[in-house]
Amino acid sequence: MAKLPTLKSRLKPVEGRKLSTTNTSERRMTGSRLQSRRLRLWKASPTCAKCGRVVAYPHGFELDHRVPLHQGGADTDENCQILCCGPDGCHLKKTAADGVELGTHRSGVKQGS
């Protein structure tokens, strides 16, 4: 059987803009070190830093950077705070506000996994 000829595309490639990425000076903490930090900060103060609601460990809160890493904040205990999570939680509200400042919108972000 003969090989079918391939048609040449009439579409021109799109020249896309390259998005700049933000690099932090250090890698973000993950795994057991992150879980140890979460437990340590929760034991020190098991309440939301914004509304004062008592939060459950481990799924009742998100660890949040006071000064975001993309703005030069450090990935340290001193720059972290506990924020309650959920559909009406302070973490979701702060994330949405940060997105507005950055010119992005993150609706439907599932929190508290």
PDB file of N, CA and C in Angstrom:
ATOM      1  N   MET A   1       0.843  -1.173   0.000  1.00  0.00           N
ATOM      2  CA  MET A   1       0.000   0.000   0.000  1.00  0.00           C
ATOM      3  C   MET A   1       0.889   1.238   0.000  1.00  0.00           C
ATOM      4  N   ALA A   2       0.494   2.224  -0.775  1.00  0.00           N
ATOM      5  CA  ALA A   2       1.296   3.442  -0.930  1.00  0.00           C
ATOM      6  C   ALA A   2       1.114   4.363   0.274  1.00  0.00           C
ATOM      7  N   LYS A   3       2.156   5.074   0.586  1.00  0.00           N
ATOM      8  CA  LYS A   3       2.124   6.023   1.698  1.00  0.00           C
ATOM      9  C   LYS A   3       1.353   7.268   1.268  1.00  0.00           C
ATOM     10  N   LEU A   4       0.446   7.717   2.131  1.00  0.00           N
ATOM     11  CA  LEU A   4      -0.338   8.912   1.834  1.00  0.00           C
ATOM     12  C   LEU A   4       0.522  10.157   1.989  1.00  0.00           C
ATOM     13  N   PRO A   5       0.347  11.133   1.124  1.00  0.00           N
ATOM     14  CA  PRO A   5       1.138  12.366   1.253  1.00  0.00           C
ATOM     15  C   PRO A   5       0.667  13.187   2.451  1.00  0.00           C
ATOM     16  N   THR A   6       1.591  13.842   3.118  1.00  0.00           N
ATOM     17  CA  THR A   6       1.275  14.700   4.257  1.00  0.00           C
ATOM     18  C   THR A   6       1.044  16.113   3.764  1.00  0.00           C
ATOM     19  N   LEU A   7      -0.044  16.703   4.250  1.00  0.00           N
ATOM     20  CA  LEU A   7      -0.344  18.078   3.861  1.00  0.00           C
ATOM     21  C   LEU A   7       0.493  19.046   4.679  1.00  0.00           C
ATOM     22  N   LYS A   8       0.961  20.068   4.058  1.00  0.00           N
ATOM     23  CA  LYS A   8       1.724  21.098   4.745  1.00  0.00           C
ATOM     24  C   LYS A   8       0.742  22.033   5.451  1.00  0.00           C
ATOM     25  N   SER A   9       1.024  22.357   6.686  1.00  0.00           N
ATOM     26  CA  SER A   9       0.138  23.219   7.463  1.00  0.00           C
ATOM     27  C   SER A   9       0.121  24.636   6.910  1.00  0.00           C
ATOM     28  N   ARG A  10      -1.077  25.217   6.893  1.00  0.00           N
ATOM     29  CA  ARG A  10      -1.214  26.605   6.456  1.00  0.00           C
ATOM     30  C   ARG A  10      -1.232  27.564   7.646  1.00  0.00           C
ATOM     31  N   LEU A  11      -1.168  27.008   8.838  1.00  0.00           N
ATOM     32  CA  LEU A  11      -1.192  27.834  10.045  1.00  0.00           C
ATOM     33  C   LEU A  11       0.201  28.346  10.361  1.00  0.00           C
ATOM     34  N   LYS A  12       0.249  29.592  10.794  1.00  0.00           N
ATOM     35  CA  LYS A  12       1.526  30.179  11.189  1.00  0.00           C
ATOM     36  C   LYS A  12       1.712  29.981  12.689  1.00  0.00           C
ATOM     37  N   PRO A  13       2.924  29.703  13.118  1.00  0.00           N
ATOM     38  CA  PRO A  13       3.152  29.558  14.561  1.00  0.00           C
ATOM     39  C   PRO A  13       2.911  30.879  15.286  1.00  0.00           C
ATOM     40  N   VAL A  14       2.363  30.773  16.475  1.00  0.00           N
ATOM     41  CA  VAL A  14       2.079  31.949  17.287  1.00  0.00           C
ATOM     42  C   VAL A  14       3.316  32.299  18.096  1.00  0.00           C
ATOM     43  N   GLU A  15       3.671  33.550  18.088  1.00  0.00           N
ATOM     44  CA  GLU A  15       4.787  34.022  18.911  1.00  0.00           C
ATOM     45  C   GLU A  15       4.235  34.339  20.294  1.00  0.00           C
ATOM     46  N   GLY A  16       4.465  33.461  21.227  1.00  0.00           N
ATOM     47  CA  GLY A  16       3.943  33.646  22.574  1.00  0.00           C
ATOM     48  C   GLY A  16       4.904  34.414  23.452  1.00  0.00           C
ATOM     49  N   ARG A  17       4.336  35.066  24.451  1.00  0.00           N
ATOM     50  CA  ARG A  17       5.176  35.758  25.427  1.00  0.00           C
ATOM     51  C   ARG A  17       5.693  34.750  26.431  1.00  0.00           C
ATOM     52  N   LYS A  18       6.915  34.909  26.811  1.00  0.00           N
ATOM     53  CA  LYS A  18       7.472  34.064  27.853  1.00  0.00           C
ATOM     54  C   LYS A  18       7.181  34.715  29.191  1.00  0.00           C
ATOM     55  N   LEU A  19       6.628  33.934  30.101  1.00  0.00           N
ATOM     56  CA  LEU A  19       6.349  34.436  31.431  1.00  0.00           C
ATOM     57  C   LEU A  19       7.596  34.295  32.285  1.00  0.00           C
ATOM     58  N   SER A  20       7.889  35.333  33.017  1.00  0.00           N
ATOM     59  CA  SER A  20       9.049  35.254  33.903  1.00  0.00           C
ATOM     60  C   SER A  20       8.670  34.447  35.134  1.00  0.00           C
ATOM     61  N   THR A  21       9.594  33.666  35.609  1.00  0.00           N
ATOM     62  CA  THR A  21       9.366  32.883  36.806  1.00  0.00           C
ATOM     63  C   THR A  21      10.129  33.508  37.956  1.00  0.00           C
ATOM     64  N   THR A  22       9.562  33.346  39.126  1.00  0.00           N
ATOM     65  CA  THR A  22      10.194  33.883  40.314  1.00  0.00           C
ATOM     66  C   THR A  22      11.000  32.774  40.968  1.00  0.00           C
ATOM     67  N   ASN A  23      12.255  32.994  41.136  1.00  0.00           N
ATOM     68  CA  ASN A  23      13.106  32.022  41.811  1.00  0.00           C
ATOM     69  C   ASN A  23      13.406  32.524  43.211  1.00  0.00           C
ATOM     70  N   THR A  24      13.219  31.646  44.176  1.00  0.00           N
ATOM     71  CA  THR A  24      13.601  32.002  45.532  1.00  0.00           C
ATOM     72  C   THR A  24      15.038  31.558  45.737  1.00  0.00           C
ATOM     73  N   SER A  25      15.680  32.149  46.719  1.00  0.00           N
ATOM     74  CA  SER A  25      17.085  31.833  46.941  1.00  0.00           C
ATOM     75  C   SER A  25      17.275  30.409  47.461  1.00  0.00           C
ATOM     76  N   GLU A  26      16.251  29.868  48.094  1.00  0.00           N
ATOM     77  CA  GLU A  26      16.343  28.520  48.640  1.00  0.00           C
ATOM     78  C   GLU A  26      15.144  27.706  48.176  1.00  0.00           C
ATOM     79  N   ARG A  27      15.284  26.407  48.251  1.00  0.00           N
ATOM     80  CA  ARG A  27      14.150  25.544  47.941  1.00  0.00           C
ATOM     81  C   ARG A  27      13.137  25.608  49.075  1.00  0.00           C
ATOM     82  N   ARG A  28      11.869  25.473  48.732  1.00  0.00           N
ATOM     83  CA  ARG A  28      10.831  25.453  49.752  1.00  0.00           C
ATOM     84  C   ARG A  28      10.905  24.166  50.548  1.00  0.00           C
ATOM     85  N   MET A  29      10.501  24.246  51.794  1.00  0.00           N
ATOM     86  CA  MET A  29      10.518  23.102  52.677  1.00  0.00           C
ATOM     87  C   MET A  29       9.368  22.159  52.313  1.00  0.00           C
ATOM     88  N   THR A  30       9.626  20.867  52.307  1.00  0.00           N
ATOM     89  CA  THR A  30       8.602  19.874  51.999  1.00  0.00           C
ATOM     90  C   THR A  30       8.745  18.683  52.934  1.00  0.00           C
ATOM     91  N   GLY A  31       7.834  17.753  52.843  1.00  0.00           N
ATOM     92  CA  GLY A  31       7.927  16.484  53.550  1.00  0.00           C
ATOM     93  C   GLY A  31       7.861  16.600  55.060  1.00  0.00           C
ATOM     94  N   SER A  32       8.652  15.774  55.731  1.00  0.00           N
ATOM     95  CA  SER A  32       8.589  15.702  57.191  1.00  0.00           C
ATOM     96  C   SER A  32       9.039  17.005  57.850  1.00  0.00           C
ATOM     97  N   ARG A  33       9.958  17.730  57.218  1.00  0.00           N
ATOM     98  CA  ARG A  33      10.381  19.021  57.794  1.00  0.00           C
ATOM     99  C   ARG A  33       9.215  20.005  57.794  1.00  0.00           C
ATOM    100  N   LEU A  34       8.439  20.023  56.716  1.00  0.00           N
ATOM    101  CA  LEU A  34       7.273  20.902  56.646  1.00  0.00           C
ATOM    102  C   LEU A  34       6.229  20.489  57.678  1.00  0.00           C
ATOM    103  N   GLN A  35       5.986  19.187  57.813  1.00  0.00           N
ATOM    104  CA  GLN A  35       4.993  18.721  58.780  1.00  0.00           C
ATOM    105  C   GLN A  35       5.443  19.016  60.211  1.00  0.00           C
ATOM    106  N   SER A  36       6.730  18.946  60.473  1.00  0.00           N
ATOM    107  CA  SER A  36       7.258  19.305  61.798  1.00  0.00           C
ATOM    108  C   SER A  36       7.035  20.787  62.073  1.00  0.00           C
ATOM    109  N   ARG A  37       7.246  21.625  61.058  1.00  0.00           N
ATOM    110  CA  ARG A  37       7.005  23.064  61.216  1.00  0.00           C
ATOM    111  C   ARG A  37       5.527  23.323  61.490  1.00  0.00           C
ATOM    112  N   ARG A  38       4.641  22.673  60.743  1.00  0.00           N
ATOM    113  CA  ARG A  38       3.198  22.856  60.943  1.00  0.00           C
ATOM    114  C   ARG A  38       2.809  22.509  62.378  1.00  0.00           C
ATOM    115  N   LEU A  39       3.299  21.369  62.877  1.00  0.00           N
ATOM    116  CA  LEU A  39       2.972  20.940  64.234  1.00  0.00           C
ATOM    117  C   LEU A  39       3.552  21.902  65.264  1.00  0.00           C
ATOM    118  N   ARG A  40       4.788  22.318  65.077  1.00  0.00           N
ATOM    119  CA  ARG A  40       5.454  23.234  66.007  1.00  0.00           C
ATOM    120  C   ARG A  40       4.696  24.560  66.109  1.00  0.00           C
ATOM    121  N   LEU A  41       4.317  25.142  64.970  1.00  0.00           N
ATOM    122  CA  LEU A  41       3.597  26.415  64.988  1.00  0.00           C
ATOM    123  C   LEU A  41       2.193  26.256  65.546  1.00  0.00           C
ATOM    124  N   TRP A  42       1.540  25.127  65.241  1.00  0.00           N
ATOM    125  CA  TRP A  42       0.199  24.887  65.762  1.00  0.00           C
ATOM    126  C   TRP A  42       0.226  24.707  67.279  1.00  0.00           C
ATOM    127  N   LYS A  43       1.242  23.990  67.795  1.00  0.00           N
ATOM    128  CA  LYS A  43       1.358  23.819  69.253  1.00  0.00           C
ATOM    129  C   LYS A  43       1.599  25.153  69.949  1.00  0.00           C
ATOM    130  N   ALA A  44       2.353  26.041  69.315  1.00  0.00           N
ATOM    131  CA  ALA A  44       2.638  27.350  69.908  1.00  0.00           C
ATOM    132  C   ALA A  44       1.383  28.212  69.974  1.00  0.00           C
ATOM    133  N   SER A  45       0.516  28.117  68.960  1.00  0.00           N
ATOM    134  CA  SER A  45      -0.720  28.902  68.933  1.00  0.00           C
ATOM    135  C   SER A  45      -1.695  28.247  67.958  1.00  0.00           C
ATOM    136  N   PRO A  46      -2.649  27.455  68.481  1.00  0.00           N
ATOM    137  CA  PRO A  46      -3.567  26.726  67.596  1.00  0.00           C
ATOM    138  C   PRO A  46      -4.751  27.566  67.101  1.00  0.00           C
ATOM    139  N   THR A  47      -4.508  28.847  66.849  1.00  0.00           N
ATOM    140  CA  THR A  47      -5.585  29.726  66.390  1.00  0.00           C
ATOM    141  C   THR A  47      -5.195  30.418  65.091  1.00  0.00           C
ATOM    142  N   CYS A  48      -6.214  30.805  64.331  1.00  0.00           N
ATOM    143  CA  CYS A  48      -5.997  31.533  63.084  1.00  0.00           C
ATOM    144  C   CYS A  48      -5.436  32.915  63.405  1.00  0.00           C
ATOM    145  N   ALA A  49      -4.405  33.315  62.689  1.00  0.00           N
ATOM    146  CA  ALA A  49      -3.762  34.613  62.933  1.00  0.00           C
ATOM    147  C   ALA A  49      -4.668  35.781  62.558  1.00  0.00           C
ATOM    148  N   LYS A  50      -5.648  35.568  61.677  1.00  0.00           N
ATOM    149  CA  LYS A  50      -6.532  36.658  61.239  1.00  0.00           C
ATOM    150  C   LYS A  50      -7.792  36.765  62.089  1.00  0.00           C
ATOM    151  N   CYS A  51      -8.535  35.649  62.245  1.00  0.00           N
ATOM    152  CA  CYS A  51      -9.841  35.723  62.913  1.00  0.00           C
ATOM    153  C   CYS A  51      -9.834  35.174  64.336  1.00  0.00           C
ATOM    154  N   GLY A  52      -8.772  34.483  64.736  1.00  0.00           N
ATOM    155  CA  GLY A  52      -8.684  33.960  66.092  1.00  0.00           C
ATOM    156  C   GLY A  52      -9.402  32.639  66.309  1.00  0.00           C
ATOM    157  N   ARG A  53      -9.954  32.052  65.263  1.00  0.00           N
ATOM    158  CA  ARG A  53     -10.671  30.781  65.367  1.00  0.00           C
ATOM    159  C   ARG A  53      -9.687  29.677  65.742  1.00  0.00           C
ATOM    160  N   VAL A  54     -10.090  28.813  66.683  1.00  0.00           N
ATOM    161  CA  VAL A  54      -9.264  27.661  67.034  1.00  0.00           C
ATOM    162  C   VAL A  54      -9.347  26.668  65.879  1.00  0.00           C
ATOM    163  N   VAL A  55      -8.196  26.192  65.427  1.00  0.00           N
ATOM    164  CA  VAL A  55      -8.145  25.301  64.266  1.00  0.00           C
ATOM    165  C   VAL A  55      -7.674  23.913  64.676  1.00  0.00           C
ATOM    166  N   ALA A  56      -8.160  22.909  63.972  1.00  0.00           N
ATOM    167  CA  ALA A  56      -7.798  21.521  64.246  1.00  0.00           C
ATOM    168  C   ALA A  56      -6.507  21.163  63.523  1.00  0.00           C
ATOM    169  N   TYR A  57      -5.756  20.234  64.128  1.00  0.00           N
ATOM    170  CA  TYR A  57      -4.552  19.727  63.479  1.00  0.00           C
ATOM    171  C   TYR A  57      -4.894  18.383  62.866  1.00  0.00           C
ATOM    172  N   PRO A  58      -4.495  18.048  61.707  1.00  0.00           N
ATOM    173  CA  PRO A  58      -3.662  18.765  60.757  1.00  0.00           C
ATOM    174  C   PRO A  58      -4.447  19.442  59.636  1.00  0.00           C
ATOM    175  N   HIS A  59      -5.751  19.161  59.508  1.00  0.00           N
ATOM    176  CA  HIS A  59      -6.480  19.613  58.325  1.00  0.00           C
ATOM    177  C   HIS A  59      -7.254  20.911  58.509  1.00  0.00           C
ATOM    178  N   GLY A  60      -7.215  21.526  59.662  1.00  0.00           N
ATOM    179  CA  GLY A  60      -8.024  22.718  59.903  1.00  0.00           C
ATOM    180  C   GLY A  60      -7.349  24.029  59.550  1.00  0.00           C
ATOM    181  N   PHE A  61      -6.130  23.977  59.034  1.00  0.00           N
ATOM    182  CA  PHE A  61      -5.420  25.227  58.743  1.00  0.00           C
ATOM    183  C   PHE A  61      -4.441  25.051  57.601  1.00  0.00           C
ATOM    184  N   GLU A  62      -4.007  26.185  57.082  1.00  0.00           N
ATOM    185  CA  GLU A  62      -2.940  26.239  56.079  1.00  0.00           C
ATOM    186  C   GLU A  62      -1.813  27.081  56.659  1.00  0.00           C
ATOM    187  N   LEU A  63      -0.594  26.697  56.385  1.00  0.00           N
ATOM    188  CA  LEU A  63       0.567  27.489  56.771  1.00  0.00           C
ATOM    189  C   LEU A  63       0.764  28.553  55.704  1.00  0.00           C
ATOM    190  N   ASP A  64       0.795  29.809  56.108  1.00  0.00           N
ATOM    191  CA  ASP A  64       0.852  30.922  55.164  1.00  0.00           C
ATOM    192  C   ASP A  64       2.083  31.773  55.441  1.00  0.00           C
ATOM    193  N   HIS A  65       2.689  32.285  54.384  1.00  0.00           N
ATOM    194  CA  HIS A  65       3.829  33.193  54.542  1.00  0.00           C
ATOM    195  C   HIS A  65       3.315  34.620  54.694  1.00  0.00           C
ATOM    196  N   ARG A  66       3.696  35.281  55.775  1.00  0.00           N
ATOM    197  CA  ARG A  66       3.275  36.675  55.990  1.00  0.00           C
ATOM    198  C   ARG A  66       3.748  37.552  54.831  1.00  0.00           C
ATOM    199  N   VAL A  67       5.040  37.499  54.541  1.00  0.00           N
ATOM    200  CA  VAL A  67       5.595  38.160  53.356  1.00  0.00           C
ATOM    201  C   VAL A  67       5.769  37.057  52.317  1.00  0.00           C
ATOM    202  N   PRO A  68       5.007  37.094  51.221  1.00  0.00           N
ATOM    203  CA  PRO A  68       5.074  36.022  50.227  1.00  0.00           C
ATOM    204  C   PRO A  68       6.490  35.795  49.705  1.00  0.00           C
ATOM    205  N   LEU A  69       6.773  34.552  49.378  1.00  0.00           N
ATOM    206  CA  LEU A  69       8.104  34.201  48.884  1.00  0.00           C
ATOM    207  C   LEU A  69       8.444  34.959  47.608  1.00  0.00           C
ATOM    208  N   HIS A  70       7.442  35.191  46.743  1.00  0.00           N
ATOM    209  CA  HIS A  70       7.718  35.898  45.488  1.00  0.00           C
ATOM    210  C   HIS A  70       8.017  37.377  45.711  1.00  0.00           C
ATOM    211  N   GLN A  71       7.753  37.868  46.936  1.00  0.00           N
ATOM    212  CA  GLN A  71       8.092  39.251  47.273  1.00  0.00           C
ATOM    213  C   GLN A  71       9.351  39.318  48.127  1.00  0.00           C
ATOM    214  N   GLY A  72      10.073  38.221  48.192  1.00  0.00           N
ATOM    215  CA  GLY A  72      11.331  38.209  48.926  1.00  0.00           C
ATOM    216  C   GLY A  72      11.234  37.709  50.349  1.00  0.00           C
ATOM    217  N   GLY A  73      10.066  37.220  50.753  1.00  0.00           N
ATOM    218  CA  GLY A  73       9.905  36.687  52.099  1.00  0.00           C
ATOM    219  C   GLY A  73      10.704  35.408  52.280  1.00  0.00           C
ATOM    220  N   ALA A  74      11.111  35.161  53.507  1.00  0.00           N
ATOM    221  CA  ALA A  74      11.916  33.977  53.811  1.00  0.00           C
ATOM    222  C   ALA A  74      11.018  32.794  54.143  1.00  0.00           C
ATOM    223  N   ASP A  75      11.482  31.604  53.860  1.00  0.00           N
ATOM    224  CA  ASP A  75      10.755  30.384  54.204  1.00  0.00           C
ATOM    225  C   ASP A  75      11.201  29.943  55.593  1.00  0.00           C
ATOM    226  N   THR A  76      10.821  30.746  56.605  1.00  0.00           N
ATOM    227  CA  THR A  76      11.210  30.503  57.994  1.00  0.00           C
ATOM    228  C   THR A  76       9.972  30.488  58.881  1.00  0.00           C
ATOM    229  N   ASP A  77      10.136  29.979  60.108  1.00  0.00           N
ATOM    230  CA  ASP A  77       9.029  29.974  61.068  1.00  0.00           C
ATOM    231  C   ASP A  77       8.531  31.388  61.351  1.00  0.00           C
ATOM    232  N   GLU A  78       9.453  32.327  61.437  1.00  0.00           N
ATOM    233  CA  GLU A  78       9.084  33.704  61.768  1.00  0.00           C
ATOM    234  C   GLU A  78       8.217  34.341  60.688  1.00  0.00           C
ATOM    235  N   ASN A  79       8.336  33.894  59.461  1.00  0.00           N
ATOM    236  CA  ASN A  79       7.556  34.450  58.357  1.00  0.00           C
ATOM    237  C   ASN A  79       6.291  33.635  58.084  1.00  0.00           C
ATOM    238  N   CYS A  80       6.008  32.639  58.911  1.00  0.00           N
ATOM    239  CA  CYS A  80       4.829  31.794  58.712  1.00  0.00           C
ATOM    240  C   CYS A  80       3.768  32.086  59.758  1.00  0.00           C
ATOM    241  N   GLN A  81       2.524  31.922  59.345  1.00  0.00           N
ATOM    242  CA  GLN A  81       1.397  32.075  60.252  1.00  0.00           C
ATOM    243  C   GLN A  81       0.362  31.012  59.920  1.00  0.00           C
ATOM    244  N   ILE A  82      -0.480  30.715  60.896  1.00  0.00           N
ATOM    245  CA  ILE A  82      -1.554  29.756  60.704  1.00  0.00           C
ATOM    246  C   ILE A  82      -2.799  30.525  60.299  1.00  0.00           C
ATOM    247  N   LEU A  83      -3.433  30.094  59.202  1.00  0.00           N
ATOM    248  CA  LEU A  83      -4.699  30.669  58.757  1.00  0.00           C
ATOM    249  C   LEU A  83      -5.703  29.539  58.589  1.00  0.00           C
ATOM    250  N   CYS A  84      -6.941  29.775  59.064  1.00  0.00           N
ATOM    251  CA  CYS A  84      -7.981  28.760  58.929  1.00  0.00           C
ATOM    252  C   CYS A  84      -8.298  28.541  57.453  1.00  0.00           C
ATOM    253  N   CYS A  85      -8.743  27.332  57.124  1.00  0.00           N
ATOM    254  CA  CYS A  85      -9.031  27.015  55.722  1.00  0.00           C
ATOM    255  C   CYS A  85     -10.482  26.571  55.585  1.00  0.00           C
ATOM    256  N   GLY A  86     -10.897  26.414  54.366  1.00  0.00           N
ATOM    257  CA  GLY A  86     -12.275  26.049  54.067  1.00  0.00           C
ATOM    258  C   GLY A  86     -12.881  27.096  53.158  1.00  0.00           C
ATOM    259  N   PRO A  87     -14.147  26.910  52.772  1.00  0.00           N
ATOM    260  CA  PRO A  87     -14.775  27.841  51.823  1.00  0.00           C
ATOM    261  C   PRO A  87     -14.885  29.272  52.345  1.00  0.00           C
ATOM    262  N   ASP A  88     -14.973  29.438  53.654  1.00  0.00           N
ATOM    263  CA  ASP A  88     -15.050  30.789  54.226  1.00  0.00           C
ATOM    264  C   ASP A  88     -13.812  31.114  55.061  1.00  0.00           C
ATOM    265  N   GLY A  89     -12.730  30.379  54.846  1.00  0.00           N
ATOM    266  CA  GLY A  89     -11.522  30.528  55.652  1.00  0.00           C
ATOM    267  C   GLY A  89     -10.667  31.722  55.274  1.00  0.00           C
ATOM    268  N   CYS A  90      -9.870  32.151  56.217  1.00  0.00           N
ATOM    269  CA  CYS A  90      -8.993  33.309  56.022  1.00  0.00           C
ATOM    270  C   CYS A  90      -7.912  33.044  54.974  1.00  0.00           C
ATOM    271  N   HIS A  91      -7.447  31.796  54.854  1.00  0.00           N
ATOM    272  CA  HIS A  91      -6.412  31.494  53.864  1.00  0.00           C
ATOM    273  C   HIS A  91      -6.934  31.708  52.450  1.00  0.00           C
ATOM    274  N   LEU A  92      -8.152  31.273  52.179  1.00  0.00           N
ATOM    275  CA  LEU A  92      -8.732  31.452  50.848  1.00  0.00           C
ATOM    276  C   LEU A  92      -8.929  32.936  50.543  1.00  0.00           C
ATOM    277  N   LYS A  93      -9.369  33.696  51.553  1.00  0.00           N
ATOM    278  CA  LYS A  93      -9.559  35.144  51.361  1.00  0.00           C
ATOM    279  C   LYS A  93      -8.226  35.836  51.086  1.00  0.00           C
ATOM    280  N   LYS A  94      -7.178  35.462  51.834  1.00  0.00           N
ATOM    281  CA  LYS A  94      -5.868  36.080  51.624  1.00  0.00           C
ATOM    282  C   LYS A  94      -5.296  35.692  50.263  1.00  0.00           C
ATOM    283  N   THR A  95      -5.484  34.441  49.869  1.00  0.00           N
ATOM    284  CA  THR A  95      -5.009  33.987  48.560  1.00  0.00           C
ATOM    285  C   THR A  95      -5.701  34.762  47.446  1.00  0.00           C
ATOM    286  N   ALA A  96      -7.008  34.973  47.589  1.00  0.00           N
ATOM    287  CA  ALA A  96      -7.756  35.737  46.582  1.00  0.00           C
ATOM    288  C   ALA A  96      -7.272  37.179  46.538  1.00  0.00           C
ATOM    289  N   ALA A  97      -7.025  37.774  47.711  1.00  0.00           N
ATOM    290  CA  ALA A  97      -6.534  39.158  47.759  1.00  0.00           C
ATOM    291  C   ALA A  97      -5.138  39.256  47.149  1.00  0.00           C
ATOM    292  N   ASP A  98      -4.278  38.275  47.427  1.00  0.00           N
ATOM    293  CA  ASP A  98      -2.942  38.258  46.829  1.00  0.00           C
ATOM    294  C   ASP A  98      -3.035  38.131  45.314  1.00  0.00           C
ATOM    295  N   GLY A  99      -3.999  37.344  44.832  1.00  0.00           N
ATOM    296  CA  GLY A  99      -4.193  37.179  43.394  1.00  0.00           C
ATOM    297  C   GLY A  99      -4.629  38.463  42.727  1.00  0.00           C
ATOM    298  N   VAL A 100      -5.467  39.243  43.410  1.00  0.00           N
ATOM    299  CA  VAL A 100      -5.906  40.532  42.869  1.00  0.00           C
ATOM    300  C   VAL A 100      -4.715  41.474  42.764  1.00  0.00           C
ATOM    301  N   GLU A 101      -3.847  41.469  43.774  1.00  0.00           N
ATOM    302  CA  GLU A 101      -2.647  42.310  43.741  1.00  0.00           C
ATOM    303  C   GLU A 101      -1.730  41.918  42.590  1.00  0.00           C
ATOM    304  N   LEU A 102      -1.662  40.616  42.294  1.00  0.00           N
ATOM    305  CA  LEU A 102      -0.793  40.137  41.220  1.00  0.00           C
ATOM    306  C   LEU A 102      -1.445  40.247  39.848  1.00  0.00           C
ATOM    307  N   GLY A 103      -2.743  40.553  39.831  1.00  0.00           N
ATOM    308  CA  GLY A 103      -3.450  40.634  38.561  1.00  0.00           C
ATOM    309  C   GLY A 103      -3.936  39.289  38.074  1.00  0.00           C
ATOM    310  N   THR A 104      -4.015  38.321  38.978  1.00  0.00           N
ATOM    311  CA  THR A 104      -4.548  37.006  38.625  1.00  0.00           C
ATOM    312  C   THR A 104      -5.748  36.729  39.496  1.00  0.00           C
ATOM    313  N   HIS A 105      -6.534  35.756  39.105  1.00  0.00           N
ATOM    314  CA  HIS A 105      -7.712  35.384  39.877  1.00  0.00           C
ATOM    315  C   HIS A 105      -7.725  33.879  40.021  1.00  0.00           C
ATOM    316  N   ARG A 106      -7.786  33.406  41.244  1.00  0.00           N
ATOM    317  CA  ARG A 106      -7.766  31.967  41.478  1.00  0.00           C
ATOM    318  C   ARG A 106      -9.069  31.559  42.144  1.00  0.00           C
ATOM    319  N   SER A 107     -10.105  31.372  41.383  1.00  0.00           N
ATOM    320  CA  SER A 107     -11.362  30.899  41.949  1.00  0.00           C
ATOM    321  C   SER A 107     -11.391  29.383  41.877  1.00  0.00           C
ATOM    322  N   GLY A 108     -12.098  28.792  42.806  1.00  0.00           N
ATOM    323  CA  GLY A 108     -12.236  27.347  42.781  1.00  0.00           C
ATOM    324  C   GLY A 108     -11.017  26.596  43.261  1.00  0.00           C
ATOM    325  N   VAL A 109     -10.109  27.253  43.944  1.00  0.00           N
ATOM    326  CA  VAL A 109      -8.923  26.575  44.457  1.00  0.00           C
ATOM    327  C   VAL A 109      -9.338  25.755  45.663  1.00  0.00           C
ATOM    328  N   LYS A 110      -9.063  24.466  45.613  1.00  0.00           N
ATOM    329  CA  LYS A 110      -9.439  23.596  46.710  1.00  0.00           C
ATOM    330  C   LYS A 110      -8.401  23.713  47.813  1.00  0.00           C
ATOM    331  N   GLN A 111      -8.831  24.022  49.013  1.00  0.00           N
ATOM    332  CA  GLN A 111      -7.919  24.226  50.134  1.00  0.00           C
ATOM    333  C   GLN A 111      -8.078  23.102  51.147  1.00  0.00           C
ATOM    334  N   GLY A 112      -7.068  22.951  51.992  1.00  0.00           N
ATOM    335  CA  GLY A 112      -7.145  22.041  53.131  1.00  0.00           C
ATOM    336  C   GLY A 112      -7.032  20.572  52.776  1.00  0.00           C
ATOM    337  N   SER A 113      -6.251  20.229  51.809  1.00  0.00           N
ATOM    338  CA  SER A 113      -6.084  18.814  51.467  1.00  0.00           C
ATOM    339  C   SER A 113      -5.159  18.136  52.432  1.00  0.00           C
TER     340      SER A 113
END
